[in-house]
Amino acid sequence: MAKFCPKCGAQARDTATNCPVCDAPFDPEQLFDTPAQPEQPGSNVQQPMMNQQPMQQSMQQPMMNQQMNQQQMQQQPMMNQQMNQQPMMNQQMNQQQMQQQQANQQYWQQQNDQQASQIRHNQAMSDMNVAMNSLNEAGQHAMPQEGPTIVNANGQQMNPNAVYKPDMAMCILSYLGILALIPYLQNKKDVFIQFHAKQGLNMAIVFVGIFFVIGILSVIPGINLLCPLLYVIAFTGELVYTVMGILSSTKGEMKLLPLMEKVQIIK
């Protein structure tokens, strides 16, 4: 059976003679199987104070409630003000979001406009380069080609860019059939006169050949009916070529007449 100290209530062994806590002697004839309540000095003095505490707490409770009510009343306007400000804050946030969205839209619009402007600029530059290349090519084709060296009757070389004043009489004789032999034989050193004299002689040879063929066709029955018309056509052609050659030579031009580049009998 357990043994408890009658003074402090501490538990001790069954064979213990003194309390292990307060060293109080145990009565050998008396056993305590339950702990005794230790004596508490001043317990009678503290009891009225303990009885007064609930009374004080009950008296302080209304004051605490009043203070809590006052605090709630003080906080209520602030809470109401915060609640009233909440829609305004939400409206401001919405306005800020809308402004941010508008700013983003303006930014991307500006970016798109800049890209479109850059594309138009590049296209304009590309078109300008194409136009410049075309102008350069046209200018190159339009540049006067170097013509043959012009030598006058005295054998002196003349400036090809200068205005050449040919001998009118020799130019006219160059396209009067067999009379083209006169400038051809007389002006051997004049390249300009030689050019037109040779062209006039080649033209005379061609038309003599054409008249010869028409003369042969005139003896063929049936075809001879067309010979007068063929003579008129050949004569008209010779007259046109003669006038064209004379005009070209008197202007100082060294141009081959149509189809004459294929007839180079006298070179």
C-alpha atoms as a PDB file:
ATOM      1  CA  MET A   1       0.000   0.000   0.000  1.00  0.00           C
ATOM      2  CA  ALA A   2       1.310   3.441  -0.806  1.00  0.00           C
ATOM      3  CA  LYS A   3       2.186   5.761   1.966  1.00  0.00           C
ATOM      4  CA  PHE A   4       1.527   9.496   1.810  1.00  0.00           C
ATOM      5  CA  CYS A   5       2.913  12.195   4.046  1.00  0.00           C
ATOM      6  CA  PRO A   6       0.205  13.686   6.312  1.00  0.00           C
ATOM      7  CA  LYS A   7       1.923  17.085   6.193  1.00  0.00           C
ATOM      8  CA  CYS A   8       2.776  17.734   2.560  1.00  0.00           C
ATOM      9  CA  GLY A   9       0.930  14.820   0.908  1.00  0.00           C
ATOM     10  CA  ALA A  10       4.017  13.500  -0.873  1.00  0.00           C
ATOM     11  CA  GLN A  11       4.065   9.798  -1.776  1.00  0.00           C
ATOM     12  CA  ALA A  12       6.696   7.633  -0.153  1.00  0.00           C
ATOM     13  CA  ARG A  13       7.692   3.969  -0.041  1.00  0.00           C
ATOM     14  CA  ASP A  14       5.922   1.549   2.266  1.00  0.00           C
ATOM     15  CA  THR A  15       9.083   1.039   4.303  1.00  0.00           C
ATOM     16  CA  ALA A  16       9.948   4.781   4.558  1.00  0.00           C
ATOM     17  CA  THR A  17       9.874   6.273   8.060  1.00  0.00           C
ATOM     18  CA  ASN A  18      10.268   9.883   6.992  1.00  0.00           C
ATOM     19  CA  CYS A  19       8.796  11.952   4.155  1.00  0.00           C
ATOM     20  CA  PRO A  20      11.258  12.261   1.295  1.00  0.00           C
ATOM     21  CA  VAL A  21      10.101  15.834   0.702  1.00  0.00           C
ATOM     22  CA  CYS A  22       9.562  17.520   4.054  1.00  0.00           C
ATOM     23  CA  ASP A  23      11.336  14.892   6.243  1.00  0.00           C
ATOM     24  CA  ALA A  24       8.296  14.606   8.526  1.00  0.00           C
ATOM     25  CA  PRO A  25       8.189  11.351  10.527  1.00  0.00           C
ATOM     26  CA  PHE A  26       5.553   8.770   9.679  1.00  0.00           C
ATOM     27  CA  ASP A  27       3.400   7.133  12.365  1.00  0.00           C
ATOM     28  CA  PRO A  28       4.153   3.424  12.057  1.00  0.00           C
ATOM     29  CA  GLU A  29       0.653   2.541  13.100  1.00  0.00           C
ATOM     30  CA  GLN A  30      -1.028   4.845  10.698  1.00  0.00           C
ATOM     31  CA  LEU A  31      -1.087   4.212   6.949  1.00  0.00           C
ATOM     32  CA  PHE A  32      -2.280   6.735   4.344  1.00  0.00           C
ATOM     33  CA  ASP A  33      -3.409   5.351   1.133  1.00  0.00           C
ATOM     34  CA  THR A  34      -4.548   8.770  -0.087  1.00  0.00           C
ATOM     35  CA  PRO A  35      -2.525  11.943  -0.144  1.00  0.00           C
ATOM     36  CA  ALA A  36      -3.396  14.393   2.558  1.00  0.00           C
ATOM     37  CA  GLN A  37      -4.138  17.991   1.635  1.00  0.00           C
ATOM     38  CA  PRO A  38      -1.114  20.026   2.531  1.00  0.00           C
ATOM     39  CA  GLU A  39      -1.629  22.940   4.737  1.00  0.00           C
ATOM     40  CA  GLN A  40      -1.514  26.234   2.819  1.00  0.00           C
ATOM     41  CA  PRO A  41      -0.626  29.179   4.916  1.00  0.00           C
ATOM     42  CA  GLY A  42      -2.605  32.278   4.262  1.00  0.00           C
ATOM     43  CA  SER A  43      -5.416  30.411   2.535  1.00  0.00           C
ATOM     44  CA  ASN A  44      -7.970  32.053   4.800  1.00  0.00           C
ATOM     45  CA  VAL A  45      -6.670  35.521   3.869  1.00  0.00           C
ATOM     46  CA  GLN A  46      -6.722  34.842   0.108  1.00  0.00           C
ATOM     47  CA  GLN A  47     -10.269  33.495   0.148  1.00  0.00           C
ATOM     48  CA  PRO A  48     -11.964  36.943   0.526  1.00  0.00           C
ATOM     49  CA  MET A  49      -9.734  38.334  -2.222  1.00  0.00           C
ATOM     50  CA  MET A  50     -10.737  35.494  -4.508  1.00  0.00           C
ATOM     51  CA  ASN A  51     -14.343  36.237  -3.730  1.00  0.00           C
ATOM     52  CA  GLN A  52     -13.831  39.903  -4.588  1.00  0.00           C
ATOM     53  CA  GLN A  53     -12.285  39.196  -8.013  1.00  0.00           C
ATOM     54  CA  PRO A  54     -15.513  37.946  -9.617  1.00  0.00           C
ATOM     55  CA  MET A  55     -17.301  41.018  -8.284  1.00  0.00           C
ATOM     56  CA  GLN A  56     -14.656  43.308  -9.710  1.00  0.00           C
ATOM     57  CA  GLN A  57     -14.750  41.468 -13.018  1.00  0.00           C
ATOM     58  CA  SER A  58     -18.540  41.767 -13.121  1.00  0.00           C
ATOM     59  CA  MET A  59     -18.237  45.506 -12.468  1.00  0.00           C
ATOM     60  CA  GLN A  60     -15.540  45.941 -15.098  1.00  0.00           C
ATOM     61  CA  GLN A  61     -17.491  43.988 -17.713  1.00  0.00           C
ATOM     62  CA  PRO A  62     -19.930  46.865 -18.551  1.00  0.00           C
ATOM     63  CA  MET A  63     -17.025  49.247 -18.855  1.00  0.00           C
ATOM     64  CA  MET A  64     -15.235  46.884 -21.173  1.00  0.00           C
ATOM     65  CA  ASN A  65     -18.400  46.431 -23.175  1.00  0.00           C
ATOM     66  CA  GLN A  66     -18.825  50.202 -23.365  1.00  0.00           C
ATOM     67  CA  GLN A  67     -15.243  50.614 -24.503  1.00  0.00           C
ATOM     68  CA  MET A  68     -15.718  47.932 -27.128  1.00  0.00           C
ATOM     69  CA  ASN A  69     -18.906  49.640 -28.284  1.00  0.00           C
ATOM     70  CA  GLN A  70     -17.105  52.963 -28.455  1.00  0.00           C
ATOM     71  CA  GLN A  71     -14.285  51.405 -30.423  1.00  0.00           C
ATOM     72  CA  GLN A  72     -16.782  49.792 -32.769  1.00  0.00           C
ATOM     73  CA  MET A  73     -18.596  53.113 -33.133  1.00  0.00           C
ATOM     74  CA  GLN A  74     -15.313  54.848 -33.857  1.00  0.00           C
ATOM     75  CA  GLN A  75     -14.291  52.195 -36.334  1.00  0.00           C
ATOM     76  CA  GLN A  76     -17.694  52.058 -37.992  1.00  0.00           C
ATOM     77  CA  PRO A  77     -17.317  55.423 -39.867  1.00  0.00           C
ATOM     78  CA  MET A  78     -13.884  54.405 -41.019  1.00  0.00           C
ATOM     79  CA  MET A  79     -15.235  51.061 -42.202  1.00  0.00           C
ATOM     80  CA  ASN A  80     -18.154  52.809 -43.907  1.00  0.00           C
ATOM     81  CA  GLN A  81     -15.745  55.284 -45.497  1.00  0.00           C
ATOM     82  CA  GLN A  82     -13.555  52.437 -46.686  1.00  0.00           C
ATOM     83  CA  MET A  83     -16.613  50.641 -48.040  1.00  0.00           C
ATOM     84  CA  ASN A  84     -17.693  53.846 -49.804  1.00  0.00           C
ATOM     85  CA  GLN A  85     -14.197  54.338 -51.187  1.00  0.00           C
ATOM     86  CA  GLN A  86     -14.036  50.772 -52.479  1.00  0.00           C
ATOM     87  CA  PRO A  87     -16.267  51.452 -55.544  1.00  0.00           C
ATOM     88  CA  MET A  88     -14.232  54.567 -56.283  1.00  0.00           C
ATOM     89  CA  MET A  89     -11.040  52.564 -56.033  1.00  0.00           C
ATOM     90  CA  ASN A  90     -12.516  49.884 -58.266  1.00  0.00           C
ATOM     91  CA  GLN A  91     -13.571  52.588 -60.736  1.00  0.00           C
ATOM     92  CA  GLN A  92     -10.091  54.104 -60.671  1.00  0.00           C
ATOM     93  CA  MET A  93      -8.554  50.680 -61.217  1.00  0.00           C
ATOM     94  CA  ASN A  94     -10.908  50.093 -64.134  1.00  0.00           C
ATOM     95  CA  GLN A  95     -10.024  53.495 -65.572  1.00  0.00           C
ATOM     96  CA  GLN A  96      -6.321  52.743 -65.167  1.00  0.00           C
ATOM     97  CA  GLN A  97      -6.792  49.388 -66.876  1.00  0.00           C
ATOM     98  CA  MET A  98      -8.699  51.042 -69.720  1.00  0.00           C
ATOM     99  CA  GLN A  99      -6.004  53.710 -70.045  1.00  0.00           C
ATOM    100  CA  GLN A 100      -3.360  50.990 -70.067  1.00  0.00           C
ATOM    101  CA  GLN A 101      -5.255  49.108 -72.765  1.00  0.00           C
ATOM    102  CA  GLN A 102      -5.622  52.290 -74.814  1.00  0.00           C
ATOM    103  CA  ALA A 103      -1.916  53.017 -74.387  1.00  0.00           C
ATOM    104  CA  ASN A 104      -1.107  49.454 -75.533  1.00  0.00           C
ATOM    105  CA  GLN A 105      -3.410  49.826 -78.525  1.00  0.00           C
ATOM    106  CA  GLN A 106      -1.809  53.167 -79.440  1.00  0.00           C
ATOM    107  CA  TYR A 107       1.659  51.640 -79.075  1.00  0.00           C
ATOM    108  CA  TRP A 108       0.857  48.695 -81.335  1.00  0.00           C
ATOM    109  CA  GLN A 109      -0.907  51.025 -83.768  1.00  0.00           C
ATOM    110  CA  GLN A 110       2.210  53.168 -83.921  1.00  0.00           C
ATOM    111  CA  GLN A 111       4.330  50.054 -84.426  1.00  0.00           C
ATOM    112  CA  ASN A 112       2.058  48.918 -87.269  1.00  0.00           C
ATOM    113  CA  ASP A 113       2.117  52.402 -88.817  1.00  0.00           C
ATOM    114  CA  GLN A 114       5.906  52.488 -88.601  1.00  0.00           C
ATOM    115  CA  GLN A 115       6.163  49.064 -90.214  1.00  0.00           C
ATOM    116  CA  ALA A 116       3.753  50.110 -92.979  1.00  0.00           C
ATOM    117  CA  SER A 117       5.700  53.345 -93.480  1.00  0.00           C
ATOM    118  CA  GLN A 118       8.960  51.381 -93.629  1.00  0.00           C
ATOM    119  CA  ILE A 119       7.461  49.007 -96.183  1.00  0.00           C
ATOM    120  CA  ARG A 120       6.231  51.940 -98.297  1.00  0.00           C
ATOM    121  CA  HIS A 121       9.645  53.593 -98.001  1.00  0.00           C
ATOM    122  CA  ASN A 122      11.411  50.403 -99.077  1.00  0.00           C
ATOM    123  CA  GLN A 123       8.974  49.996-101.961  1.00  0.00           C
ATOM    124  CA  ALA A 124       9.536  53.604-103.034  1.00  0.00           C
ATOM    125  CA  MET A 125      13.307  53.125-102.836  1.00  0.00           C
ATOM    126  CA  SER A 126      13.020  49.925-104.855  1.00  0.00           C
ATOM    127  CA  ASP A 127      10.889  51.673-107.490  1.00  0.00           C
ATOM    128  CA  MET A 128      13.362  54.555-107.555  1.00  0.00           C
ATOM    129  CA  ASN A 129      16.270  52.163-108.052  1.00  0.00           C
ATOM    130  CA  VAL A 130      14.406  50.435-110.868  1.00  0.00           C
ATOM    131  CA  ALA A 131      13.637  53.812-112.463  1.00  0.00           C
ATOM    132  CA  MET A 132      17.257  54.930-112.101  1.00  0.00           C
ATOM    133  CA  ASN A 133      18.498  51.695-113.648  1.00  0.00           C
ATOM    134  CA  SER A 134      16.050  52.154-116.514  1.00  0.00           C
ATOM    135  CA  LEU A 135      17.191  55.732-117.021  1.00  0.00           C
ATOM    136  CA  ASN A 136      20.818  54.662-116.950  1.00  0.00           C
ATOM    137  CA  GLU A 137      20.152  51.952-119.514  1.00  0.00           C
ATOM    138  CA  ALA A 138      18.156  54.383-121.653  1.00  0.00           C
ATOM    139  CA  GLY A 139      20.944  56.945-121.332  1.00  0.00           C
ATOM    140  CA  GLN A 140      23.525  54.389-122.371  1.00  0.00           C
ATOM    141  CA  HIS A 141      21.450  53.437-125.393  1.00  0.00           C
ATOM    142  CA  ALA A 142      20.803  57.068-126.200  1.00  0.00           C
ATOM    143  CA  MET A 143      24.471  58.020-126.060  1.00  0.00           C
ATOM    144  CA  PRO A 144      25.820  58.712-129.494  1.00  0.00           C
ATOM    145  CA  GLN A 145      27.847  55.839-130.773  1.00  0.00           C
ATOM    146  CA  GLU A 146      31.258  56.501-132.080  1.00  0.00           C
ATOM    147  CA  GLY A 147      30.943  56.871-135.767  1.00  0.00           C
ATOM    148  CA  PRO A 148      33.585  56.476-138.420  1.00  0.00           C
ATOM    149  CA  THR A 149      36.428  58.943-138.528  1.00  0.00           C
ATOM    150  CA  ILE A 150      35.553  61.724-140.947  1.00  0.00           C
ATOM    151  CA  VAL A 151      38.337  62.888-143.217  1.00  0.00           C
ATOM    152  CA  ASN A 152      37.910  65.868-145.486  1.00  0.00           C
ATOM    153  CA  ALA A 153      39.134  66.168-149.064  1.00  0.00           C
ATOM    154  CA  ASN A 154      42.580  67.305-147.907  1.00  0.00           C
ATOM    155  CA  GLY A 155      43.043  64.168-145.797  1.00  0.00           C
ATOM    156  CA  GLN A 156      42.632  66.001-142.475  1.00  0.00           C
ATOM    157  CA  GLN A 157      40.764  64.216-139.709  1.00  0.00           C
ATOM    158  CA  MET A 158      37.677  66.106-138.511  1.00  0.00           C
ATOM    159  CA  ASN A 159      35.957  66.224-135.142  1.00  0.00           C
ATOM    160  CA  PRO A 160      33.040  63.725-135.299  1.00  0.00           C
ATOM    161  CA  ASN A 161      31.006  65.951-132.931  1.00  0.00           C
ATOM    162  CA  ALA A 162      31.423  68.988-135.122  1.00  0.00           C
ATOM    163  CA  VAL A 163      28.860  69.883-137.778  1.00  0.00           C
ATOM    164  CA  TYR A 164      30.151  68.541-141.066  1.00  0.00           C
ATOM    165  CA  LYS A 165      29.461  70.669-144.115  1.00  0.00           C
ATOM    166  CA  PRO A 166      29.650  68.319-147.096  1.00  0.00           C
ATOM    167  CA  ASP A 167      30.147  69.242-150.736  1.00  0.00           C
ATOM    168  CA  MET A 168      26.604  69.589-152.034  1.00  0.00           C
ATOM    169  CA  ALA A 169      27.467  68.894-155.642  1.00  0.00           C
ATOM    170  CA  MET A 170      29.277  65.667-154.783  1.00  0.00           C
ATOM    171  CA  CYS A 171      26.425  64.602-152.491  1.00  0.00           C
ATOM    172  CA  ILE A 172      23.877  65.059-155.263  1.00  0.00           C
ATOM    173  CA  LEU A 173      26.033  63.324-157.887  1.00  0.00           C
ATOM    174  CA  SER A 174      26.438  60.338-155.525  1.00  0.00           C
ATOM    175  CA  TYR A 175      22.778  59.376-156.081  1.00  0.00           C
ATOM    176  CA  LEU A 176      22.422  60.100-159.819  1.00  0.00           C
ATOM    177  CA  GLY A 177      23.123  56.641-161.107  1.00  0.00           C
ATOM    178  CA  ILE A 178      26.332  56.274-163.155  1.00  0.00           C
ATOM    179  CA  LEU A 179      27.300  59.851-162.237  1.00  0.00           C
ATOM    180  CA  ALA A 180      28.189  58.532-158.751  1.00  0.00           C
ATOM    181  CA  LEU A 181      31.520  57.470-160.254  1.00  0.00           C
ATOM    182  CA  ILE A 182      32.591  61.126-160.282  1.00  0.00           C
ATOM    183  CA  PRO A 183      32.633  61.658-156.460  1.00  0.00           C
ATOM    184  CA  TYR A 184      33.765  58.046-155.978  1.00  0.00           C
ATOM    185  CA  LEU A 185      36.867  58.503-158.125  1.00  0.00           C
ATOM    186  CA  GLN A 186      37.578  62.156-157.324  1.00  0.00           C
ATOM    187  CA  ASN A 187      37.335  62.102-153.476  1.00  0.00           C
ATOM    188  CA  LYS A 188      39.205  58.978-152.450  1.00  0.00           C
ATOM    189  CA  LYS A 189      40.306  60.435-149.105  1.00  0.00           C
ATOM    190  CA  ASP A 190      36.956  61.884-148.058  1.00  0.00           C
ATOM    191  CA  VAL A 191      35.250  59.137-146.051  1.00  0.00           C
ATOM    192  CA  PHE A 192      31.893  60.915-146.077  1.00  0.00           C
ATOM    193  CA  ILE A 193      31.759  61.327-149.867  1.00  0.00           C
ATOM    194  CA  GLN A 194      33.055  57.791-150.374  1.00  0.00           C
ATOM    195  CA  PHE A 195      30.283  56.420-148.132  1.00  0.00           C
ATOM    196  CA  HIS A 196      27.491  58.083-150.144  1.00  0.00           C
ATOM    197  CA  ALA A 197      29.121  57.465-153.513  1.00  0.00           C
ATOM    198  CA  LYS A 198      29.389  53.749-152.779  1.00  0.00           C
ATOM    199  CA  GLN A 199      25.806  53.652-151.557  1.00  0.00           C
ATOM    200  CA  GLY A 200      24.647  55.482-154.705  1.00  0.00           C
ATOM    201  CA  LEU A 201      26.548  53.075-156.969  1.00  0.00           C
ATOM    202  CA  ASN A 202      25.129  50.024-155.130  1.00  0.00           C
ATOM    203  CA  MET A 203      21.625  51.487-155.457  1.00  0.00           C
ATOM    204  CA  ALA A 204      22.159  52.125-159.195  1.00  0.00           C
ATOM    205  CA  ILE A 205      23.341  48.536-159.720  1.00  0.00           C
ATOM    206  CA  VAL A 206      20.275  47.172-157.910  1.00  0.00           C
ATOM    207  CA  PHE A 207      17.783  49.196-159.919  1.00  0.00           C
ATOM    208  CA  VAL A 208      19.572  48.401-163.213  1.00  0.00           C
ATOM    209  CA  GLY A 209      19.178  44.742-162.315  1.00  0.00           C
ATOM    210  CA  ILE A 210      15.495  45.254-161.511  1.00  0.00           C
ATOM    211  CA  PHE A 211      14.870  47.001-164.879  1.00  0.00           C
ATOM    212  CA  PHE A 212      16.761  44.201-166.653  1.00  0.00           C
ATOM    213  CA  VAL A 213      14.548  41.530-165.045  1.00  0.00           C
ATOM    214  CA  ILE A 214      11.407  43.462-165.989  1.00  0.00           C
ATOM    215  CA  GLY A 215      12.694  43.721-169.572  1.00  0.00           C
ATOM    216  CA  ILE A 216      13.074  39.910-169.692  1.00  0.00           C
ATOM    217  CA  LEU A 217       9.563  39.430-168.283  1.00  0.00           C
ATOM    218  CA  SER A 218       8.135  41.762-170.936  1.00  0.00           C
ATOM    219  CA  VAL A 219       8.810  39.190-173.716  1.00  0.00           C
ATOM    220  CA  ILE A 220       6.846  36.477-171.909  1.00  0.00           C
ATOM    221  CA  PRO A 221       3.237  36.306-173.079  1.00  0.00           C
ATOM    222  CA  GLY A 222       0.731  36.978-170.374  1.00  0.00           C
ATOM    223  CA  ILE A 223       3.281  38.419-167.940  1.00  0.00           C
ATOM    224  CA  ASN A 224       4.156  41.242-170.317  1.00  0.00           C
ATOM    225  CA  LEU A 225       0.830  42.824-169.454  1.00  0.00           C
ATOM    226  CA  LEU A 226       2.161  43.506-165.942  1.00  0.00           C
ATOM    227  CA  CYS A 227       5.458  44.951-167.087  1.00  0.00           C
ATOM    228  CA  PRO A 228       4.234  48.574-167.427  1.00  0.00           C
ATOM    229  CA  LEU A 229       3.041  48.444-163.844  1.00  0.00           C
ATOM    230  CA  LEU A 230       6.332  46.906-162.716  1.00  0.00           C
ATOM    231  CA  TYR A 231       8.250  49.660-164.553  1.00  0.00           C
ATOM    232  CA  VAL A 232       6.229  52.333-162.751  1.00  0.00           C
ATOM    233  CA  ILE A 233       6.840  50.674-159.363  1.00  0.00           C
ATOM    234  CA  ALA A 234      10.587  50.315-160.011  1.00  0.00           C
ATOM    235  CA  PHE A 235      10.920  53.873-161.257  1.00  0.00           C
ATOM    236  CA  THR A 236       9.012  55.218-158.233  1.00  0.00           C
ATOM    237  CA  GLY A 237      11.229  53.224-155.889  1.00  0.00           C
ATOM    238  CA  GLU A 238      14.382  54.524-157.535  1.00  0.00           C
ATOM    239  CA  LEU A 239      13.099  58.099-157.292  1.00  0.00           C
ATOM    240  CA  VAL A 240      12.262  57.702-153.572  1.00  0.00           C
ATOM    241  CA  TYR A 241      15.650  56.180-152.768  1.00  0.00           C
ATOM    242  CA  THR A 242      17.421  58.926-154.749  1.00  0.00           C
ATOM    243  CA  VAL A 243      15.629  61.697-152.846  1.00  0.00           C
ATOM    244  CA  MET A 244      16.282  59.972-149.465  1.00  0.00           C
ATOM    245  CA  GLY A 245      19.986  59.560-150.269  1.00  0.00           C
ATOM    246  CA  ILE A 246      20.410  63.168-151.386  1.00  0.00           C
ATOM    247  CA  LEU A 247      18.663  64.501-148.241  1.00  0.00           C
ATOM    248  CA  SER A 248      20.738  62.292-145.958  1.00  0.00           C
ATOM    249  CA  SER A 249      24.012  63.281-147.571  1.00  0.00           C
ATOM    250  CA  THR A 250      23.261  67.010-147.672  1.00  0.00           C
ATOM    251  CA  LYS A 251      22.416  66.940-143.946  1.00  0.00           C
ATOM    252  CA  GLY A 252      25.836  65.487-143.175  1.00  0.00           C
ATOM    253  CA  GLU A 253      24.439  62.088-142.095  1.00  0.00           C
ATOM    254  CA  MET A 254      26.113  58.765-142.792  1.00  0.00           C
ATOM    255  CA  LYS A 255      23.043  56.513-142.700  1.00  0.00           C
ATOM    256  CA  LEU A 256      22.328  53.435-144.748  1.00  0.00           C
ATOM    257  CA  LEU A 257      19.079  53.542-146.680  1.00  0.00           C
ATOM    258  CA  PRO A 258      16.457  50.819-146.010  1.00  0.00           C
ATOM    259  CA  LEU A 259      17.547  47.376-147.279  1.00  0.00           C
ATOM    260  CA  MET A 260      20.820  48.792-148.539  1.00  0.00           C
ATOM    261  CA  GLU A 261      22.765  47.184-145.669  1.00  0.00           C
ATOM    262  CA  LYS A 262      22.066  43.868-147.446  1.00  0.00           C
ATOM    263  CA  VAL A 263      23.448  45.131-150.754  1.00  0.00           C
ATOM    264  CA  GLN A 264      27.178  45.765-150.447  1.00  0.00           C
ATOM    265  CA  ILE A 265      28.426  45.138-153.973  1.00  0.00           C
ATOM    266  CA  ILE A 266      30.928  47.984-153.838  1.00  0.00           C
ATOM    267  CA  LYS A 267      32.562  48.106-150.414  1.00  0.00           C
END
